[in-house]
Amino acid sequence: MSWLKYSLLLLLLVGSIGCAKKPPSNLDNSCSIFKEKSSWYDDANDSFKKWGVPIHVQLAIIHQESRFRAQAKSPKDYLLWFIPWGRKSSAYGYAQVKDATWDWYKEKTGNWHASRDDFADVTDFIGWYGNYTYKTLGVSKWDAYKQYLAYHEGHGGFKRKTYLKKPWLIKVARKVKKRASMYHSQLQRCKDQLGSSSFWPF
């Protein structure tokens, strides 16, 4: 292969990777999200079939955590309000999962090569976490409001009801619930046009 052909091939490869990591253009419509990101529906549906957390709940959590940005990071921290001092936490990726939580997921599932900037891995993580929330706390997998509170505060924090001292978090959880409901309604209208599976949570 000539140097020119190799360079063009490399540019195409880099460009395709960049497009794959780029957020969907319309974050307010689940049908548009899946039509633009053709493999994402099967990823989310695989997670649903495996763990039982519905697709619209998965999407609402991802939207809240990263706006579907694959390499999202936690906000920067500052010393004396203006000196950059690292980041507030190790949260990273589509679902803003911290290092310790991601390591816990990999250990429990054996998914050792999982990556927080891989959509399939992240939907599997959200399903696994939501299923664990259901088993340990009795929170319905369909309850986007309480699932998000447990997701944000951790299972121990949810059990201690730490969210009651955080009015801003209650407000965010309500937004997640509202978005999940919106995504759910949209998916009902386009489910027959998406993916190769006929198994839907409706």
Protein backbone atom coordinates (compact mmCIF):
# COMPACT_ATOMS: atom_id res chain seq x y z
CA MET A 1 0.00 0.00 0.00
CA SER A 2 1.33 3.40 -0.96
CA TRP A 3 1.99 6.07 1.65
CA LEU A 4 -0.85 8.20 0.25
CA LYS A 5 -3.39 5.36 0.40
CA TYR A 6 -2.29 4.48 3.93
CA SER A 7 -2.68 8.10 5.04
CA LEU A 8 -6.16 8.36 3.54
CA LEU A 9 -7.20 5.09 5.20
CA LEU A 10 -5.89 6.32 8.53
CA LEU A 11 -7.81 9.60 8.20
CA LEU A 12 -11.01 7.72 7.39
CA LEU A 13 -10.52 5.45 10.40
CA VAL A 14 -9.89 8.34 12.78
CA GLY A 15 -12.89 10.18 11.37
CA SER A 16 -15.18 7.19 11.83
CA ILE A 17 -14.05 6.77 15.43
CA GLY A 18 -14.70 10.44 16.08
CA CYS A 19 -18.21 10.17 14.65
CA ALA A 20 -18.92 7.09 16.74
CA LYS A 21 -18.05 9.00 19.91
CA LYS A 22 -20.00 12.13 18.94
CA PRO A 23 -23.30 12.61 20.83
CA PRO A 24 -26.55 12.24 18.88
CA SER A 25 -27.81 15.45 17.31
CA ASN A 26 -31.26 15.30 18.94
CA LEU A 27 -31.08 14.34 22.62
CA ASP A 28 -34.77 14.95 23.20
CA ASN A 29 -36.05 12.15 21.00
CA SER A 30 -35.20 8.53 21.72
CA CYS A 31 -36.28 7.43 18.25
CA SER A 32 -33.88 9.92 16.65
CA ILE A 33 -31.10 8.80 18.99
CA PHE A 34 -31.43 5.18 17.94
CA LYS A 35 -31.86 5.99 14.26
CA GLU A 36 -28.66 8.02 14.29
CA LYS A 37 -26.72 5.53 16.44
CA SER A 38 -27.86 2.33 14.79
CA SER A 39 -26.10 -0.10 17.14
CA TRP A 40 -27.24 1.56 20.36
CA TYR A 41 -30.75 0.11 20.36
CA ASP A 42 -29.47 -3.46 20.33
CA ASP A 43 -27.02 -2.59 23.12
CA ALA A 44 -29.74 -1.10 25.31
CA ASN A 45 -32.19 -3.88 24.50
CA ASP A 46 -29.58 -6.55 25.30
CA SER A 47 -29.13 -4.93 28.69
CA PHE A 48 -32.89 -4.88 29.25
CA LYS A 49 -33.23 -8.56 28.42
CA LYS A 50 -30.33 -9.42 30.69
CA TRP A 51 -31.07 -7.24 33.72
CA GLY A 52 -34.64 -5.97 33.36
CA VAL A 53 -34.00 -2.22 33.49
CA PRO A 54 -36.05 -0.76 30.61
CA ILE A 55 -34.47 1.11 27.77
CA HIS A 56 -36.08 4.47 28.52
CA VAL A 57 -34.72 4.42 32.08
CA GLN A 58 -31.22 3.63 30.80
CA LEU A 59 -31.37 6.53 28.34
CA ALA A 60 -32.69 9.00 30.91
CA ILE A 61 -29.83 8.21 33.29
CA ILE A 62 -27.22 8.54 30.55
CA HIS A 63 -28.71 11.83 29.42
CA GLN A 64 -28.58 13.24 32.93
CA GLU A 65 -25.04 12.06 33.59
CA SER A 66 -23.27 13.00 30.36
CA ARG A 67 -25.69 14.19 27.67
CA PHE A 68 -24.47 11.11 25.77
CA ARG A 69 -20.83 12.26 25.70
CA ALA A 70 -18.60 9.20 25.66
CA GLN A 71 -15.62 10.84 27.35
CA ALA A 72 -17.42 13.12 29.79
CA LYS A 73 -15.48 13.90 32.98
CA SER A 74 -16.48 15.32 36.33
CA PRO A 75 -16.20 19.11 36.77
CA LYS A 76 -12.79 20.60 37.54
CA ASP A 77 -11.95 21.47 41.12
CA TYR A 78 -10.23 24.70 42.13
CA LEU A 79 -8.07 25.80 45.03
CA LEU A 80 -8.96 29.27 46.32
CA TRP A 81 -11.66 29.39 43.61
CA PHE A 82 -9.27 30.03 40.72
CA ILE A 83 -6.29 27.64 40.84
CA PRO A 84 -6.97 24.40 38.86
CA TRP A 85 -6.77 21.48 41.30
CA GLY A 86 -7.69 18.32 39.43
CA ARG A 87 -11.27 17.10 39.19
CA LYS A 88 -13.97 16.67 41.79
CA SER A 89 -14.10 12.89 41.31
CA SER A 90 -12.94 10.05 39.07
CA ALA A 91 -16.37 9.90 37.36
CA TYR A 92 -15.97 9.29 33.64
CA GLY A 93 -17.82 8.26 30.51
CA TYR A 94 -21.43 8.04 29.36
CA ALA A 95 -22.72 7.18 32.85
CA GLN A 96 -20.19 9.15 34.93
CA VAL A 97 -19.10 6.08 36.86
CA LYS A 98 -16.33 6.42 39.43
CA ASP A 99 -13.24 4.20 39.31
CA ALA A 100 -14.16 2.16 42.39
CA THR A 101 -17.74 1.52 41.22
CA TRP A 102 -16.56 0.48 37.76
CA ASP A 103 -14.02 -1.90 39.26
CA TRP A 104 -16.79 -3.37 41.43
CA TYR A 105 -18.96 -3.92 38.34
CA LYS A 106 -16.14 -5.64 36.45
CA GLU A 107 -15.36 -7.88 39.40
CA LYS A 108 -18.99 -8.92 39.91
CA THR A 109 -19.78 -9.50 36.23
CA GLY A 110 -16.42 -10.70 34.94
CA ASN A 111 -16.60 -8.08 32.19
CA TRP A 112 -12.93 -7.22 32.69
CA HIS A 113 -12.46 -5.41 29.39
CA ALA A 114 -15.45 -3.11 29.88
CA SER A 115 -14.90 0.57 29.14
CA ARG A 116 -16.86 3.55 30.45
CA ASP A 117 -16.76 5.21 27.02
CA ASP A 118 -18.27 2.18 25.29
CA PHE A 119 -22.06 2.45 24.99
CA ALA A 120 -22.69 -1.31 25.14
CA ASP A 121 -20.66 -1.66 28.33
CA VAL A 122 -22.35 1.33 29.92
CA THR A 123 -25.88 0.12 29.22
CA ASP A 124 -24.90 -3.25 30.68
CA PHE A 125 -23.55 -1.46 33.77
CA ILE A 126 -26.73 0.57 34.25
CA GLY A 127 -28.80 -2.58 33.92
CA TRP A 128 -26.61 -4.45 36.39
CA TYR A 129 -26.66 -1.57 38.88
CA GLY A 130 -30.42 -1.12 38.58
CA ASN A 131 -30.97 -4.84 39.08
CA TYR A 132 -28.79 -4.72 42.20
CA THR A 133 -30.81 -1.73 43.43
CA TYR A 134 -33.98 -3.77 42.96
CA LYS A 135 -32.58 -6.81 44.77
CA THR A 136 -31.10 -4.93 47.73
CA LEU A 137 -33.53 -2.02 48.14
CA GLY A 138 -36.72 -3.25 46.50
CA VAL A 139 -36.82 -0.32 44.05
CA SER A 140 -38.72 -1.13 40.88
CA LYS A 141 -36.53 -1.27 37.78
CA TRP A 142 -39.16 0.86 36.06
CA ASP A 143 -39.07 3.60 38.70
CA ALA A 144 -36.70 6.10 37.08
CA TYR A 145 -37.05 8.54 39.99
CA LYS A 146 -35.90 6.20 42.77
CA GLN A 147 -33.48 4.33 40.53
CA TYR A 148 -31.68 7.58 39.83
CA LEU A 149 -31.57 8.55 43.50
CA ALA A 150 -29.97 5.19 44.30
CA TYR A 151 -27.65 5.60 41.33
CA HIS A 152 -26.47 9.01 42.50
CA GLU A 153 -26.30 8.38 46.25
CA GLY A 154 -25.22 4.75 46.18
CA HIS A 155 -27.18 1.94 47.82
CA GLY A 156 -26.05 2.86 51.32
CA GLY A 157 -26.88 6.52 50.83
CA PHE A 158 -30.31 5.70 49.44
CA LYS A 159 -31.03 3.44 52.40
CA ARG A 160 -30.04 6.26 54.78
CA LYS A 161 -32.15 8.69 52.70
CA THR A 162 -29.29 11.12 52.25
CA TYR A 163 -31.15 12.60 49.28
CA LEU A 164 -33.67 14.20 51.65
CA LYS A 165 -31.01 16.74 52.59
CA LYS A 166 -30.38 17.58 48.94
CA PRO A 167 -33.35 19.45 47.43
CA TRP A 168 -31.38 20.00 44.22
CA LEU A 169 -30.99 16.23 43.79
CA ILE A 170 -34.71 15.64 44.29
CA LYS A 171 -35.30 18.16 41.51
CA VAL A 172 -32.82 16.38 39.22
CA ALA A 173 -34.40 12.98 39.92
CA ARG A 174 -37.79 14.39 38.95
CA LYS A 175 -36.26 15.60 35.67
CA VAL A 176 -34.89 12.10 35.05
CA LYS A 177 -38.34 10.63 35.69
CA LYS A 178 -39.96 13.11 33.29
CA ARG A 179 -37.39 12.41 30.58
CA ALA A 180 -37.74 8.65 31.00
CA SER A 181 -41.49 8.99 30.52
CA MET A 182 -40.93 11.07 27.38
CA TYR A 183 -38.46 8.56 25.96
CA HIS A 184 -40.89 5.73 26.75
CA SER A 185 -43.74 7.36 24.85
CA GLN A 186 -41.51 8.05 21.87
CA LEU A 187 -40.21 4.49 21.73
CA GLN A 188 -43.72 3.12 21.64
CA ARG A 189 -44.23 4.96 18.35
CA CYS A 190 -41.03 3.81 16.63
CA LYS A 191 -40.25 0.42 18.18
CA ASP A 192 -41.15 -1.50 15.02
CA GLN A 193 -38.56 0.45 13.03
CA LEU A 194 -35.61 -0.13 15.34
CA GLY A 195 -33.23 -2.99 15.87
CA SER A 196 -33.41 -6.59 14.88
CA SER A 197 -35.09 -7.87 18.05
CA SER A 198 -38.83 -8.15 18.49
CA PHE A 199 -38.58 -8.30 22.29
CA TRP A 200 -39.67 -4.98 23.72
CA PRO A 201 -40.55 -3.95 27.28
CA PHE A 202 -44.09 -2.84 26.43
